[in-house]
N, C-alpha and C. Protein backbone atom coordinates (compact mmCIF):
# COMPACT_ATOMS: atom_id res chain seq x y z
N MET A 1 -173.72 -15.87 -108.54
CA MET A 1 -172.63 -15.35 -109.34
C MET A 1 -172.69 -13.82 -109.32
N ASP A 2 -171.54 -13.20 -109.12
CA ASP A 2 -171.47 -11.74 -109.06
C ASP A 2 -171.53 -11.13 -110.46
N ASN A 3 -172.28 -10.05 -110.57
CA ASN A 3 -172.29 -9.28 -111.81
C ASN A 3 -171.19 -8.25 -111.72
N LYS A 4 -170.37 -8.18 -112.74
CA LYS A 4 -169.34 -7.15 -112.83
C LYS A 4 -169.71 -6.24 -113.98
N ILE A 5 -169.66 -4.97 -113.72
CA ILE A 5 -170.04 -3.97 -114.72
C ILE A 5 -168.81 -3.14 -115.03
N GLU A 6 -168.60 -2.91 -116.32
CA GLU A 6 -167.50 -2.07 -116.76
C GLU A 6 -168.08 -0.91 -117.55
N ILE A 7 -167.79 0.30 -117.12
CA ILE A 7 -168.26 1.50 -117.81
C ILE A 7 -167.09 2.08 -118.57
N VAL A 8 -167.25 2.21 -119.88
CA VAL A 8 -166.20 2.78 -120.73
C VAL A 8 -166.55 4.24 -120.96
N VAL A 9 -165.60 5.12 -120.61
CA VAL A 9 -165.83 6.56 -120.61
C VAL A 9 -164.83 7.23 -121.55
N PHE A 10 -165.30 8.20 -122.33
CA PHE A 10 -164.38 9.01 -123.12
C PHE A 10 -163.52 9.81 -122.16
N SER A 11 -162.20 9.75 -122.34
CA SER A 11 -161.26 10.46 -121.48
C SER A 11 -161.20 11.94 -121.84
N HIS A 12 -160.62 12.72 -120.93
CA HIS A 12 -160.38 14.13 -121.23
C HIS A 12 -159.25 14.26 -122.25
N VAL A 13 -158.42 13.19 -122.39
CA VAL A 13 -157.35 13.17 -123.37
C VAL A 13 -157.95 12.72 -124.70
N SER A 14 -157.75 13.48 -125.73
CA SER A 14 -158.35 13.19 -127.03
C SER A 14 -157.96 11.81 -127.55
N GLY A 15 -158.96 11.03 -127.97
CA GLY A 15 -158.73 9.71 -128.55
C GLY A 15 -158.55 8.59 -127.54
N LYS A 16 -158.61 8.86 -126.26
CA LYS A 16 -158.42 7.85 -125.23
C LYS A 16 -159.74 7.53 -124.53
N VAL A 17 -159.82 6.33 -123.94
CA VAL A 17 -160.97 5.95 -123.13
C VAL A 17 -160.47 5.47 -121.77
N GLU A 18 -161.34 5.55 -120.76
CA GLU A 18 -161.05 5.05 -119.42
C GLU A 18 -162.08 3.97 -119.11
N LYS A 19 -161.67 2.96 -118.33
CA LYS A 19 -162.59 1.89 -117.93
C LYS A 19 -162.76 1.93 -116.42
N ILE A 20 -164.02 1.91 -115.99
CA ILE A 20 -164.35 1.94 -114.57
C ILE A 20 -165.12 0.66 -114.25
N SER A 21 -164.62 -0.13 -113.29
CA SER A 21 -165.29 -1.36 -112.87
C SER A 21 -166.11 -1.08 -111.62
N CYS A 22 -167.32 -1.65 -111.59
CA CYS A 22 -168.19 -1.45 -110.43
C CYS A 22 -169.15 -2.63 -110.32
N GLU A 23 -169.93 -2.65 -109.24
CA GLU A 23 -170.90 -3.72 -109.01
C GLU A 23 -172.29 -3.36 -109.53
N ALA A 24 -172.59 -2.07 -109.58
CA ALA A 24 -173.91 -1.61 -110.03
C ALA A 24 -173.77 -0.19 -110.55
N TYR A 25 -174.83 0.27 -111.19
CA TYR A 25 -174.84 1.66 -111.64
C TYR A 25 -176.26 2.20 -111.60
N GLU A 26 -176.38 3.51 -111.54
CA GLU A 26 -177.68 4.18 -111.56
C GLU A 26 -177.67 5.23 -112.65
N LEU A 27 -178.79 5.34 -113.35
CA LEU A 27 -178.98 6.44 -114.30
C LEU A 27 -179.77 7.51 -113.57
N ASN A 28 -179.27 8.72 -113.57
CA ASN A 28 -179.90 9.82 -112.84
C ASN A 28 -180.13 11.01 -113.76
N SER A 29 -181.14 11.78 -113.42
CA SER A 29 -181.44 13.00 -114.16
C SER A 29 -181.73 14.11 -113.16
N ASN A 30 -181.11 15.26 -113.37
CA ASN A 30 -181.29 16.39 -112.48
C ASN A 30 -181.49 17.62 -113.36
N CYS A 31 -182.71 18.12 -113.42
CA CYS A 31 -183.07 19.25 -114.30
C CYS A 31 -182.73 18.90 -115.75
N ASN A 32 -181.71 19.50 -116.32
CA ASN A 32 -181.37 19.22 -117.71
C ASN A 32 -180.06 18.44 -117.83
N MET A 33 -179.59 17.82 -116.73
CA MET A 33 -178.33 17.07 -116.76
C MET A 33 -178.60 15.60 -116.47
N ASN A 34 -178.11 14.71 -117.34
CA ASN A 34 -178.21 13.27 -117.13
C ASN A 34 -176.82 12.74 -116.79
N TYR A 35 -176.77 11.80 -115.84
CA TYR A 35 -175.48 11.26 -115.46
C TYR A 35 -175.63 9.83 -114.95
N VAL A 36 -174.49 9.14 -114.85
CA VAL A 36 -174.44 7.76 -114.38
C VAL A 36 -173.61 7.74 -113.10
N SER A 37 -174.12 7.06 -112.08
CA SER A 37 -173.37 6.87 -110.84
C SER A 37 -172.89 5.42 -110.80
N ALA A 38 -171.57 5.22 -110.68
CA ALA A 38 -171.00 3.88 -110.53
C ALA A 38 -170.99 3.55 -109.04
N ILE A 39 -171.45 2.34 -108.68
CA ILE A 39 -171.59 1.95 -107.28
C ILE A 39 -170.75 0.70 -107.01
N SER A 40 -169.96 0.75 -105.94
CA SER A 40 -169.17 -0.40 -105.51
C SER A 40 -169.24 -0.47 -103.99
N ASN A 41 -169.50 -1.63 -103.44
CA ASN A 41 -169.65 -1.84 -101.99
C ASN A 41 -170.69 -0.90 -101.39
N GLY A 42 -171.74 -0.61 -102.13
CA GLY A 42 -172.81 0.24 -101.64
C GLY A 42 -172.52 1.73 -101.68
N ASN A 43 -171.35 2.12 -102.16
CA ASN A 43 -170.96 3.52 -102.21
C ASN A 43 -170.84 4.00 -103.65
N LYS A 44 -171.25 5.23 -103.90
CA LYS A 44 -171.04 5.83 -105.22
C LYS A 44 -169.56 6.17 -105.34
N ILE A 45 -168.89 5.54 -106.30
CA ILE A 45 -167.45 5.77 -106.44
C ILE A 45 -167.13 6.85 -107.45
N VAL A 46 -168.04 7.09 -108.39
CA VAL A 46 -167.81 8.15 -109.38
C VAL A 46 -169.15 8.53 -110.00
N ILE A 47 -169.28 9.79 -110.36
CA ILE A 47 -170.46 10.28 -111.07
C ILE A 47 -169.98 10.79 -112.42
N ILE A 48 -170.57 10.25 -113.50
CA ILE A 48 -170.09 10.52 -114.86
C ILE A 48 -171.19 11.19 -115.67
N PRO A 49 -170.92 12.32 -116.29
CA PRO A 49 -171.91 12.94 -117.17
C PRO A 49 -172.25 11.99 -118.33
N TRP A 50 -173.53 11.95 -118.71
CA TRP A 50 -173.99 11.02 -119.74
C TRP A 50 -173.24 11.18 -121.06
N ASN A 51 -172.86 12.41 -121.43
CA ASN A 51 -172.19 12.62 -122.72
C ASN A 51 -170.75 12.10 -122.74
N ARG A 52 -170.21 11.65 -121.61
CA ARG A 52 -168.87 11.05 -121.59
C ARG A 52 -168.92 9.52 -121.64
N ILE A 53 -170.12 8.92 -121.54
CA ILE A 53 -170.27 7.47 -121.56
C ILE A 53 -170.16 6.96 -122.99
N LYS A 54 -169.25 6.01 -123.21
CA LYS A 54 -169.14 5.37 -124.52
C LYS A 54 -169.99 4.10 -124.53
N GLN A 55 -169.83 3.25 -123.51
CA GLN A 55 -170.64 2.03 -123.42
C GLN A 55 -170.61 1.50 -121.99
N ILE A 56 -171.60 0.65 -121.69
CA ILE A 56 -171.68 -0.02 -120.39
C ILE A 56 -171.74 -1.52 -120.67
N ASN A 57 -170.75 -2.26 -120.15
CA ASN A 57 -170.67 -3.71 -120.35
C ASN A 57 -171.08 -4.40 -119.06
N ILE A 58 -172.02 -5.34 -119.17
CA ILE A 58 -172.46 -6.11 -118.01
C ILE A 58 -172.05 -7.56 -118.23
N ASN A 59 -171.15 -8.07 -117.38
CA ASN A 59 -170.67 -9.45 -117.47
C ASN A 59 -171.32 -10.26 -116.38
N GLN A 60 -171.94 -11.38 -116.76
CA GLN A 60 -172.59 -12.24 -115.78
C GLN A 60 -171.86 -13.54 -115.64
């Protein structure tokens, strides 16, 4: 069974959220910046700063 992951991100528009669907994700840290990489078909489709993440939903 495929795992589907939905990352809910605070939008740049005040009061709105965006949903990103992917197959996997990575938590990364670079110096003083933390971010999440959404992965689909083996490719990073988006890199999101940690402070924009509202929640990560994993559906099995």
